C-alpha atoms as a PDB file:
ATOM      1  CA  MET A   1       5.930 -18.222 -21.336  1.00  0.00           C
ATOM      2  CA  ASP A   2       7.517 -14.901 -20.392  1.00  0.00           C
ATOM      3  CA  GLU A   3       9.462 -14.130 -17.209  1.00  0.00           C
ATOM      4  CA  MET A   4       6.462 -12.637 -15.394  1.00  0.00           C
ATOM      5  CA  ASP A   5       4.421 -15.788 -16.016  1.00  0.00           C
ATOM      6  CA  GLU A   6       7.273 -17.850 -14.631  1.00  0.00           C
ATOM      7  CA  LEU A   7       7.470 -15.705 -11.507  1.00  0.00           C
ATOM      8  CA  GLU A   8       3.700 -15.891 -11.044  1.00  0.00           C
ATOM      9  CA  GLN A   9       3.844 -19.660 -11.331  1.00  0.00           C
ATOM     10  CA  MET A  10       6.723 -19.915  -8.842  1.00  0.00           C
ATOM     11  CA  PHE A  11       5.608 -17.401  -6.234  1.00  0.00           C
ATOM     12  CA  GLY A  12       1.881 -17.161  -6.095  1.00  0.00           C
ATOM     13  CA  ASP A  13      -1.574 -17.157  -7.431  1.00  0.00           C
ATOM     14  CA  SER A  14      -4.255 -14.479  -7.569  1.00  0.00           C
ATOM     15  CA  ASP A  15      -5.329 -15.073  -3.953  1.00  0.00           C
ATOM     16  CA  ASP A  16      -1.786 -14.475  -2.762  1.00  0.00           C
ATOM     17  CA  MET A  17      -1.563 -11.299  -4.847  1.00  0.00           C
ATOM     18  CA  ALA A  18      -4.783  -9.949  -3.333  1.00  0.00           C
ATOM     19  CA  GLU A  19      -3.420 -10.649   0.140  1.00  0.00           C
ATOM     20  CA  MET A  20      -0.104  -8.979  -0.722  1.00  0.00           C
ATOM     21  CA  GLU A  21      -1.909  -5.885  -2.014  1.00  0.00           C
ATOM     22  CA  ARG A  22      -3.974  -5.720   1.191  1.00  0.00           C
ATOM     23  CA  LEU A  23      -0.869  -6.065   3.360  1.00  0.00           C
ATOM     24  CA  GLU A  24       0.966  -3.434   1.318  1.00  0.00           C
ATOM     25  CA  LYS A  25      -1.916  -0.997   1.838  1.00  0.00           C
ATOM     26  CA  VAL A  26      -1.866  -1.647   5.602  1.00  0.00           C
ATOM     27  CA  VAL A  27       1.897  -1.110   5.799  1.00  0.00           C
ATOM     28  CA  LEU A  28       1.749   2.096   3.754  1.00  0.00           C
ATOM     29  CA  GLU A  29      -1.073   3.402   5.940  1.00  0.00           C
ATOM     30  CA  GLN A  30       0.930   2.636   9.093  1.00  0.00           C
ATOM     31  CA  ASP A  31       4.008   4.319   7.602  1.00  0.00           C
ATOM     32  CA  LEU A  32       1.978   7.422   6.781  1.00  0.00           C
ATOM     33  CA  LYS A  33       0.473   7.574  10.283  1.00  0.00           C
ATOM     34  CA  GLY A  34       3.944   7.147  11.773  1.00  0.00           C
ATOM     35  CA  PHE A  35       5.333   9.919   9.589  1.00  0.00           C
ATOM     36  CA  ALA A  36       2.421  12.229  10.399  1.00  0.00           C
ATOM     37  CA  SER A  37       2.947  11.657  14.131  1.00  0.00           C
ATOM     38  CA  CYS A  38       6.438  13.174  13.751  1.00  0.00           C
ATOM     39  CA  PHE A  39       4.811  16.482  12.793  1.00  0.00           C
ATOM     40  CA  PRO A  40       1.792  16.920  15.110  1.00  0.00           C
ATOM     41  CA  ASP A  41       1.453  20.641  14.322  1.00  0.00           C
ATOM     42  CA  TRP A  42       1.245  20.109  10.572  1.00  0.00           C
ATOM     43  CA  ASP A  43      -2.035  19.505   8.777  1.00  0.00           C
ATOM     44  CA  LEU A  44      -1.061  16.522   6.632  1.00  0.00           C
ATOM     45  CA  HIS A  45      -4.575  15.664   5.528  1.00  0.00           C
ATOM     46  CA  PRO A  46      -5.358  15.992   1.821  1.00  0.00           C
ATOM     47  CA  PRO A  47      -7.303  19.129   0.899  1.00  0.00           C
ATOM     48  CA  VAL A  48     -11.077  18.769   0.922  1.00  0.00           C
ATOM     49  CA  ALA A  49     -12.827  19.935  -2.219  1.00  0.00           C
ATOM     50  CA  GLU A  50     -15.378  22.622  -1.460  1.00  0.00           C
ATOM     51  CA  SER A  51     -18.643  22.311  -3.377  1.00  0.00           C
END
């Protein structure tokens, strides 16, 4: 058993990891919106590919 397996056994299972990933995405999205609100005149949206 390696260290990562030990940590997985101690701190969570796959359901917990899925929940953590979802929460991380929400937090990052909120951080980005908060950052963007500091610069209302800037266009901080990713470029849109023209077809």
